[in-house]
Amino acid sequence: MKNPPSSVVRRGTIRQNLGEPLVPALSPSVVYHYEDADQLQSVYDGEAKGFGYAREGHPNADTLASKLSWMEGANAGVMTASGMSAISATFMSILQAGDSIAAASQLYGRSLKMVTGDLPRMGFACRTFDASDPALLRKRLRLERALCWRRLCLIRCCV
């Protein structure tokens, strides 16, 4: 068959232009081609810049993250698929063995479940408190420091 049906989707390449686009182009690809496995491995190892599969990162997310980081005055940012994935990524990037977490008992349901169920299962000491009582918050913070845990991650209830 001269032109198999799959060639309709994969036909052609993005035409190169002498000028620069005024806005970043959207990248519709979710999978990226490399000449060999070593080339892809160098991307996964961070030795070369590139993407392997869209769930692990893609140009659209990188562009959006860099623009939002710039607007917020941050050094860097990461795009996630949901609020819970953002919370999970935050915990996984800052928590270390032995850390403790004090969280408002009024947190959104799934966040509270993560703090009271998932994180303790992974070895993090987690306690909740009534965030509407400032004295209790101060007491909880003093207690956490008195127990000499290395760091404290405080989650505030945002209503």
N, C-alpha and C. Protein backbone atom coordinates (compact mmCIF):
# COMPACT_ATOMS: atom_id res chain seq x y z
N MET A 1 0.85 -1.16 0.00
CA MET A 1 0.00 0.00 0.00
C MET A 1 0.90 1.23 0.00
N LYS A 2 0.69 2.11 -0.96
CA LYS A 2 1.54 3.29 -1.10
C LYS A 2 1.43 4.25 0.09
N ASN A 3 0.24 4.57 0.51
CA ASN A 3 0.02 5.47 1.65
C ASN A 3 -0.86 4.78 2.68
N PRO A 4 -0.27 4.04 3.62
CA PRO A 4 -1.10 3.37 4.63
C PRO A 4 -1.85 4.41 5.47
N PRO A 5 -2.99 4.01 6.09
CA PRO A 5 -3.79 4.97 6.87
C PRO A 5 -2.99 5.69 7.95
N SER A 6 -2.00 5.04 8.53
CA SER A 6 -1.23 5.70 9.59
C SER A 6 -0.42 6.88 9.06
N SER A 7 -0.16 6.91 7.77
CA SER A 7 0.63 8.01 7.22
C SER A 7 -0.14 9.33 7.24
N VAL A 8 -1.47 9.27 7.32
CA VAL A 8 -2.26 10.50 7.39
C VAL A 8 -1.93 11.26 8.67
N VAL A 9 -1.80 10.54 9.78
CA VAL A 9 -1.50 11.18 11.05
C VAL A 9 -0.04 11.60 11.13
N ARG A 10 0.83 10.77 10.64
CA ARG A 10 2.27 11.03 10.81
C ARG A 10 2.92 11.67 9.58
N ARG A 11 2.15 12.05 8.63
CA ARG A 11 2.69 12.58 7.39
C ARG A 11 3.30 13.97 7.62
N GLY A 12 4.44 14.19 7.03
CA GLY A 12 5.06 15.51 7.01
C GLY A 12 5.73 15.91 8.31
N THR A 13 6.38 17.04 8.26
CA THR A 13 7.04 17.61 9.42
C THR A 13 6.61 19.06 9.55
N ILE A 14 6.90 19.65 10.69
CA ILE A 14 6.59 21.07 10.87
C ILE A 14 7.56 21.87 10.01
N ARG A 15 7.02 22.72 9.17
CA ARG A 15 7.83 23.49 8.24
C ARG A 15 8.69 24.50 9.00
N GLN A 16 9.94 24.54 8.68
CA GLN A 16 10.85 25.50 9.30
C GLN A 16 10.66 26.87 8.66
N ASN A 17 10.88 27.90 9.46
CA ASN A 17 10.67 29.26 9.00
C ASN A 17 11.89 30.08 9.39
N LEU A 18 12.25 31.01 8.55
CA LEU A 18 13.38 31.88 8.83
C LEU A 18 13.10 32.76 10.06
N GLY A 19 11.87 33.21 10.22
CA GLY A 19 11.50 34.06 11.34
C GLY A 19 11.16 33.27 12.59
N GLU A 20 11.18 33.97 13.70
CA GLU A 20 10.81 33.36 14.99
C GLU A 20 9.32 33.58 15.22
N PRO A 21 8.62 32.60 15.76
CA PRO A 21 7.20 32.84 16.08
C PRO A 21 7.08 33.85 17.22
N LEU A 22 6.03 34.64 17.21
CA LEU A 22 5.84 35.63 18.27
C LEU A 22 5.36 35.00 19.56
N VAL A 23 4.69 33.87 19.48
CA VAL A 23 4.24 33.13 20.65
C VAL A 23 4.74 31.70 20.53
N PRO A 24 4.98 31.03 21.65
CA PRO A 24 5.45 29.65 21.58
C PRO A 24 4.40 28.76 20.89
N ALA A 25 4.86 27.90 20.03
CA ALA A 25 3.96 26.98 19.34
C ALA A 25 3.55 25.87 20.28
N LEU A 26 2.32 25.41 20.17
CA LEU A 26 1.88 24.26 20.96
C LEU A 26 2.44 23.00 20.33
N SER A 27 2.94 22.13 21.16
CA SER A 27 3.48 20.85 20.69
C SER A 27 2.42 19.78 20.88
N PRO A 28 1.88 19.21 19.79
CA PRO A 28 0.81 18.22 19.92
C PRO A 28 1.31 16.81 20.22
N SER A 29 2.61 16.60 20.21
CA SER A 29 3.13 15.24 20.37
C SER A 29 3.14 14.80 21.83
N VAL A 30 2.89 13.50 22.05
CA VAL A 30 3.00 12.93 23.39
C VAL A 30 4.16 11.95 23.48
N VAL A 31 4.69 11.55 22.34
CA VAL A 31 5.82 10.62 22.28
C VAL A 31 6.88 11.25 21.39
N TYR A 32 8.14 11.05 21.76
CA TYR A 32 9.24 11.68 21.03
C TYR A 32 10.18 10.62 20.49
N HIS A 33 10.68 10.85 19.28
CA HIS A 33 11.55 9.89 18.59
C HIS A 33 13.02 10.21 18.84
N TYR A 34 13.80 9.17 19.08
CA TYR A 34 15.25 9.31 19.23
C TYR A 34 15.92 8.30 18.31
N GLU A 35 17.13 8.59 17.92
CA GLU A 35 17.84 7.71 17.00
C GLU A 35 18.09 6.34 17.59
N ASP A 36 18.37 6.29 18.89
CA ASP A 36 18.60 5.00 19.55
C ASP A 36 18.30 5.12 21.04
N ALA A 37 18.33 4.01 21.73
CA ALA A 37 18.00 3.97 23.17
C ALA A 37 18.99 4.78 24.00
N ASP A 38 20.25 4.85 23.57
CA ASP A 38 21.25 5.62 24.31
C ASP A 38 20.91 7.11 24.32
N GLN A 39 20.41 7.59 23.20
CA GLN A 39 20.03 8.99 23.11
C GLN A 39 18.89 9.30 24.09
N LEU A 40 17.89 8.44 24.11
CA LEU A 40 16.77 8.62 25.04
C LEU A 40 17.25 8.51 26.49
N GLN A 41 18.15 7.57 26.76
CA GLN A 41 18.67 7.40 28.11
C GLN A 41 19.40 8.66 28.58
N SER A 42 20.10 9.33 27.66
CA SER A 42 20.81 10.55 28.03
C SER A 42 19.82 11.65 28.43
N VAL A 43 18.62 11.64 27.82
CA VAL A 43 17.58 12.59 28.21
C VAL A 43 17.08 12.24 29.60
N TYR A 44 16.78 10.96 29.85
CA TYR A 44 16.29 10.52 31.16
C TYR A 44 17.33 10.75 32.25
N ASP A 45 18.60 10.66 31.93
CA ASP A 45 19.66 10.87 32.91
C ASP A 45 19.97 12.36 33.13
N GLY A 46 19.33 13.24 32.34
CA GLY A 46 19.54 14.67 32.48
C GLY A 46 20.80 15.17 31.80
N GLU A 47 21.44 14.31 31.01
CA GLU A 47 22.66 14.72 30.31
C GLU A 47 22.35 15.48 29.03
N ALA A 48 21.16 15.28 28.47
CA ALA A 48 20.73 15.97 27.26
C ALA A 48 19.32 16.51 27.49
N LYS A 49 19.01 17.60 26.84
CA LYS A 49 17.68 18.20 26.97
C LYS A 49 16.74 17.51 26.00
N GLY A 50 15.55 17.19 26.47
CA GLY A 50 14.57 16.57 25.60
C GLY A 50 13.42 15.98 26.39
N PHE A 51 12.55 15.31 25.70
CA PHE A 51 11.36 14.71 26.29
C PHE A 51 11.23 13.28 25.79
N GLY A 52 10.63 12.43 26.60
CA GLY A 52 10.39 11.05 26.20
C GLY A 52 8.93 10.77 26.00
N TYR A 53 8.13 11.13 27.01
CA TYR A 53 6.70 10.86 26.98
C TYR A 53 6.00 12.01 27.71
N ALA A 54 4.88 12.46 27.19
CA ALA A 54 4.24 13.68 27.68
C ALA A 54 3.90 13.66 29.17
N ARG A 55 3.60 12.51 29.75
CA ARG A 55 3.30 12.47 31.18
C ARG A 55 4.51 12.84 32.03
N GLU A 56 5.69 12.68 31.47
CA GLU A 56 6.91 12.98 32.20
C GLU A 56 7.38 14.40 31.95
N GLY A 57 6.75 15.10 31.05
CA GLY A 57 7.12 16.46 30.70
C GLY A 57 6.98 16.68 29.21
N HIS A 58 6.69 17.90 28.83
CA HIS A 58 6.57 18.25 27.42
C HIS A 58 6.76 19.75 27.25
N PRO A 59 7.02 20.20 26.03
CA PRO A 59 7.32 21.62 25.82
C PRO A 59 6.21 22.56 26.28
N ASN A 60 4.95 22.17 26.11
CA ASN A 60 3.85 23.05 26.52
C ASN A 60 3.88 23.30 28.03
N ALA A 61 4.06 22.25 28.82
CA ALA A 61 4.11 22.38 30.27
C ALA A 61 5.33 23.20 30.70
N ASP A 62 6.47 22.97 30.06
CA ASP A 62 7.67 23.73 30.40
C ASP A 62 7.48 25.22 30.12
N THR A 63 6.86 25.53 28.99
CA THR A 63 6.63 26.93 28.64
C THR A 63 5.69 27.59 29.64
N LEU A 64 4.59 26.91 29.96
CA LEU A 64 3.63 27.45 30.93
C LEU A 64 4.27 27.62 32.30
N ALA A 65 5.03 26.63 32.74
CA ALA A 65 5.69 26.71 34.04
C ALA A 65 6.67 27.88 34.09
N SER A 66 7.42 28.07 33.03
CA SER A 66 8.40 29.18 33.03
C SER A 66 7.69 30.53 33.02
N LYS A 67 6.58 30.65 32.30
CA LYS A 67 5.83 31.92 32.28
C LYS A 67 5.22 32.21 33.65
N LEU A 68 4.61 31.20 34.27
CA LEU A 68 4.03 31.39 35.60
C LEU A 68 5.10 31.69 36.64
N SER A 69 6.23 31.02 36.54
CA SER A 69 7.35 31.29 37.46
C SER A 69 7.81 32.73 37.32
N TRP A 70 7.94 33.18 36.09
CA TRP A 70 8.34 34.57 35.84
C TRP A 70 7.33 35.54 36.44
N MET A 71 6.03 35.28 36.21
CA MET A 71 4.99 36.18 36.72
C MET A 71 4.98 36.21 38.25
N GLU A 72 5.29 35.08 38.88
CA GLU A 72 5.26 34.99 40.34
C GLU A 72 6.61 35.36 40.97
N GLY A 73 7.63 35.60 40.15
CA GLY A 73 8.95 35.91 40.68
C GLY A 73 9.65 34.71 41.28
N ALA A 74 9.29 33.52 40.83
CA ALA A 74 9.89 32.28 41.35
C ALA A 74 11.08 31.88 40.49
N ASN A 75 11.96 31.08 41.07
CA ASN A 75 13.13 30.59 40.33
C ASN A 75 12.75 29.52 39.31
N ALA A 76 11.77 28.69 39.66
CA ALA A 76 11.37 27.61 38.78
C ALA A 76 9.98 27.16 39.15
N GLY A 77 9.36 26.42 38.27
CA GLY A 77 8.02 25.90 38.53
C GLY A 77 7.82 24.59 37.82
N VAL A 78 6.77 23.90 38.21
CA VAL A 78 6.43 22.62 37.61
C VAL A 78 4.93 22.61 37.37
N MET A 79 4.51 22.12 36.24
CA MET A 79 3.08 21.96 35.95
C MET A 79 2.67 20.54 36.33
N THR A 80 1.52 20.45 36.99
CA THR A 80 0.99 19.13 37.35
C THR A 80 -0.43 19.02 36.80
N ALA A 81 -0.94 17.80 36.81
CA ALA A 81 -2.25 17.54 36.22
C ALA A 81 -3.41 17.91 37.13
N SER A 82 -3.18 18.01 38.43
CA SER A 82 -4.26 18.30 39.36
C SER A 82 -3.71 18.92 40.63
N GLY A 83 -4.61 19.41 41.46
CA GLY A 83 -4.20 19.97 42.74
C GLY A 83 -3.55 18.93 43.63
N MET A 84 -4.10 17.72 43.66
CA MET A 84 -3.52 16.66 44.49
C MET A 84 -2.14 16.26 43.98
N SER A 85 -1.95 16.26 42.68
CA SER A 85 -0.60 15.93 42.19
C SER A 85 0.37 17.04 42.55
N ALA A 86 -0.09 18.29 42.60
CA ALA A 86 0.78 19.39 43.02
C ALA A 86 1.15 19.25 44.50
N ILE A 87 0.15 18.91 45.33
CA ILE A 87 0.42 18.72 46.76
C ILE A 87 1.37 17.55 46.96
N SER A 88 1.12 16.46 46.26
CA SER A 88 2.00 15.28 46.37
C SER A 88 3.41 15.61 45.94
N ALA A 89 3.56 16.31 44.82
CA ALA A 89 4.89 16.67 44.33
C ALA A 89 5.60 17.58 45.34
N THR A 90 4.86 18.48 45.96
CA THR A 90 5.46 19.36 46.96
C THR A 90 5.97 18.56 48.15
N PHE A 91 5.12 17.68 48.68
CA PHE A 91 5.56 16.85 49.80
C PHE A 91 6.77 16.00 49.43
N MET A 92 6.73 15.36 48.28
CA MET A 92 7.83 14.48 47.88
C MET A 92 9.13 15.25 47.64
N SER A 93 9.02 16.53 47.30
CA SER A 93 10.25 17.29 47.03
C SER A 93 10.86 17.88 48.29
N ILE A 94 10.07 18.08 49.37
CA ILE A 94 10.64 18.72 50.55
C ILE A 94 10.78 17.81 51.76
N LEU A 95 9.98 16.75 51.84
CA LEU A 95 10.05 15.89 53.02
C LEU A 95 11.26 14.97 53.00
N GLN A 96 11.80 14.73 54.18
CA GLN A 96 12.90 13.78 54.35
C GLN A 96 12.55 12.86 55.50
N ALA A 97 13.21 11.73 55.56
CA ALA A 97 12.96 10.77 56.63
C ALA A 97 13.05 11.46 57.98
N GLY A 98 12.07 11.22 58.85
CA GLY A 98 12.06 11.80 60.17
C GLY A 98 11.30 13.11 60.27
N ASP A 99 10.86 13.67 59.16
CA ASP A 99 10.12 14.93 59.20
C ASP A 99 8.73 14.73 59.76
N SER A 100 8.19 15.81 60.30
CA SER A 100 6.83 15.77 60.82
C SER A 100 5.99 16.83 60.13
N ILE A 101 4.70 16.62 60.16
CA ILE A 101 3.76 17.52 59.49
C ILE A 101 2.66 17.87 60.47
N ALA A 102 2.41 19.16 60.63
CA ALA A 102 1.26 19.64 61.39
C ALA A 102 0.30 20.23 60.38
N ALA A 103 -0.92 19.73 60.34
CA ALA A 103 -1.88 20.16 59.33
C ALA A 103 -3.21 20.53 59.97
N ALA A 104 -3.84 21.53 59.39
CA ALA A 104 -5.16 21.94 59.86
C ALA A 104 -6.16 20.81 59.64
N SER A 105 -6.97 20.53 60.65
CA SER A 105 -7.96 19.46 60.53
C SER A 105 -9.09 19.84 59.58
N GLN A 106 -9.13 21.09 59.13
CA GLN A 106 -10.17 21.55 58.21
C GLN A 106 -9.74 21.45 56.74
N LEU A 107 -8.66 20.76 56.47
CA LEU A 107 -8.20 20.64 55.08
C LEU A 107 -9.23 19.96 54.21
N TYR A 108 -9.15 20.23 52.91
CA TYR A 108 -9.97 19.56 51.91
C TYR A 108 -9.81 18.05 52.08
N GLY A 109 -10.88 17.30 51.87
CA GLY A 109 -10.94 15.87 52.15
C GLY A 109 -9.76 15.03 51.72
N ARG A 110 -9.38 15.08 50.46
CA ARG A 110 -8.30 14.22 49.98
C ARG A 110 -6.96 14.66 50.54
N SER A 111 -6.75 15.96 50.73
CA SER A 111 -5.51 16.44 51.34
C SER A 111 -5.40 15.95 52.77
N LEU A 112 -6.51 16.00 53.49
CA LEU A 112 -6.52 15.52 54.88
C LEU A 112 -6.25 14.03 54.92
N LYS A 113 -6.81 13.28 53.97
CA LYS A 113 -6.57 11.83 53.91
C LYS A 113 -5.08 11.55 53.65
N MET A 114 -4.46 12.36 52.81
CA MET A 114 -3.03 12.18 52.54
C MET A 114 -2.22 12.39 53.81
N VAL A 115 -2.57 13.45 54.56
CA VAL A 115 -1.82 13.79 55.77
C VAL A 115 -2.08 12.79 56.90
N THR A 116 -3.31 12.29 57.01
CA THR A 116 -3.63 11.39 58.11
C THR A 116 -3.46 9.91 57.77
N GLY A 117 -3.38 9.58 56.48
CA GLY A 117 -3.27 8.18 56.10
C GLY A 117 -2.05 7.83 55.28
N ASP A 118 -1.88 8.52 54.16
CA ASP A 118 -0.81 8.16 53.22
C ASP A 118 0.59 8.49 53.74
N LEU A 119 0.78 9.72 54.20
CA LEU A 119 2.12 10.12 54.66
C LEU A 119 2.57 9.37 55.91
N PRO A 120 1.69 9.14 56.90
CA PRO A 120 2.12 8.32 58.04
C PRO A 120 2.50 6.90 57.62
N ARG A 121 1.81 6.36 56.62
CA ARG A 121 2.15 5.02 56.11
C ARG A 121 3.56 5.00 55.54
N MET A 122 4.04 6.16 55.09
CA MET A 122 5.39 6.26 54.53
C MET A 122 6.41 6.67 55.59
N GLY A 123 5.98 6.76 56.85
CA GLY A 123 6.92 7.03 57.93
C GLY A 123 6.99 8.46 58.41
N PHE A 124 6.14 9.33 57.92
CA PHE A 124 6.14 10.72 58.38
C PHE A 124 5.18 10.87 59.55
N ALA A 125 5.61 11.57 60.58
CA ALA A 125 4.75 11.84 61.74
C ALA A 125 3.82 12.98 61.38
N CYS A 126 2.54 12.73 61.42
CA CYS A 126 1.56 13.74 61.03
C CYS A 126 0.54 13.94 62.15
N ARG A 127 0.30 15.21 62.48
CA ARG A 127 -0.71 15.54 63.48
C ARG A 127 -1.58 16.65 62.93
N THR A 128 -2.85 16.63 63.31
CA THR A 128 -3.76 17.69 62.88
C THR A 128 -4.10 18.57 64.08
N PHE A 129 -4.56 19.77 63.80
CA PHE A 129 -4.95 20.71 64.83
C PHE A 129 -6.07 21.59 64.29
N ASP A 130 -6.79 22.23 65.18
CA ASP A 130 -7.86 23.14 64.82
C ASP A 130 -7.23 24.50 64.48
N ALA A 131 -7.22 24.84 63.20
CA ALA A 131 -6.56 26.07 62.75
C ALA A 131 -7.32 27.32 63.17
N SER A 132 -8.56 27.17 63.66
CA SER A 132 -9.30 28.35 64.10
C SER A 132 -8.89 28.80 65.50
N ASP A 133 -8.02 28.04 66.16
CA ASP A 133 -7.57 28.36 67.51
C ASP A 133 -6.07 28.71 67.48
N PRO A 134 -5.72 30.01 67.42
CA PRO A 134 -4.31 30.42 67.33
C PRO A 134 -3.46 29.91 68.49
N ALA A 135 -4.04 29.84 69.68
CA ALA A 135 -3.27 29.35 70.84
C ALA A 135 -2.88 27.89 70.64
N LEU A 136 -3.80 27.12 70.09
CA LEU A 136 -3.52 25.71 69.83
C LEU A 136 -2.44 25.56 68.76
N LEU A 137 -2.48 26.42 67.77
CA LEU A 137 -1.45 26.40 66.74
C LEU A 137 -0.08 26.70 67.36
N ARG A 138 0.02 27.73 68.20
CA ARG A 138 1.30 28.04 68.85
C ARG A 138 1.78 26.88 69.71
N LYS A 139 0.86 26.27 70.44
CA LYS A 139 1.20 25.13 71.29
C LYS A 139 1.70 23.97 70.44
N ARG A 140 1.02 23.70 69.32
CA ARG A 140 1.41 22.60 68.44
C ARG A 140 2.81 22.85 67.88
N LEU A 141 3.08 24.09 67.49
CA LEU A 141 4.40 24.40 66.94
C LEU A 141 5.49 24.24 67.99
N ARG A 142 5.22 24.69 69.23
CA ARG A 142 6.21 24.51 70.31
C ARG A 142 6.44 23.04 70.58
N LEU A 143 5.36 22.26 70.59
CA LEU A 143 5.48 20.82 70.83
C LEU A 143 6.34 20.17 69.75
N GLU A 144 6.09 20.53 68.50
CA GLU A 144 6.87 19.94 67.40
C GLU A 144 8.35 20.28 67.56
N ARG A 145 8.65 21.52 67.90
CA ARG A 145 10.06 21.92 68.09
C ARG A 145 10.67 21.21 69.28
N ALA A 146 9.89 21.07 70.35
CA ALA A 146 10.40 20.43 71.57
C ALA A 146 10.76 18.97 71.31
N LEU A 147 10.07 18.34 70.39
CA LEU A 147 10.36 16.94 70.08
C LEU A 147 11.56 16.80 69.14
N CYS A 148 12.16 17.93 68.76
CA CYS A 148 13.41 17.97 67.98
C CYS A 148 13.31 17.32 66.61
N TRP A 149 12.15 17.39 65.97
CA TRP A 149 12.10 16.94 64.59
C TRP A 149 12.79 17.97 63.74
N ARG A 150 13.48 17.52 62.71
CA ARG A 150 14.33 18.41 61.93
C ARG A 150 13.57 19.54 61.26
N ARG A 151 12.43 19.25 60.69
CA ARG A 151 11.70 20.29 59.97
C ARG A 151 10.21 20.15 60.23
N LEU A 152 9.50 21.19 60.00
CA LEU A 152 8.06 21.17 60.19
C LEU A 152 7.41 21.74 58.94
N CYS A 153 6.51 21.00 58.39
CA CYS A 153 5.77 21.48 57.22
C CYS A 153 4.36 21.79 57.70
N LEU A 154 3.99 23.03 57.68
CA LEU A 154 2.68 23.46 58.16
C LEU A 154 1.75 23.68 56.97
N ILE A 155 0.63 23.03 56.99
CA ILE A 155 -0.35 23.22 55.93
C ILE A 155 -1.48 24.06 56.49
N ARG A 156 -1.75 25.18 55.91
CA ARG A 156 -2.84 26.03 56.37
C ARG A 156 -4.11 25.67 55.62
N CYS A 157 -5.18 25.83 56.29
CA CYS A 157 -6.48 25.60 55.67
C CYS A 157 -6.86 26.84 54.88
N CYS A 158 -7.09 26.68 53.62
CA CYS A 158 -7.48 27.81 52.77
C CYS A 158 -8.94 27.63 52.40
N VAL A 159 -9.79 28.48 52.91
CA VAL A 159 -11.24 28.37 52.66
C VAL A 159 -11.64 29.46 51.69
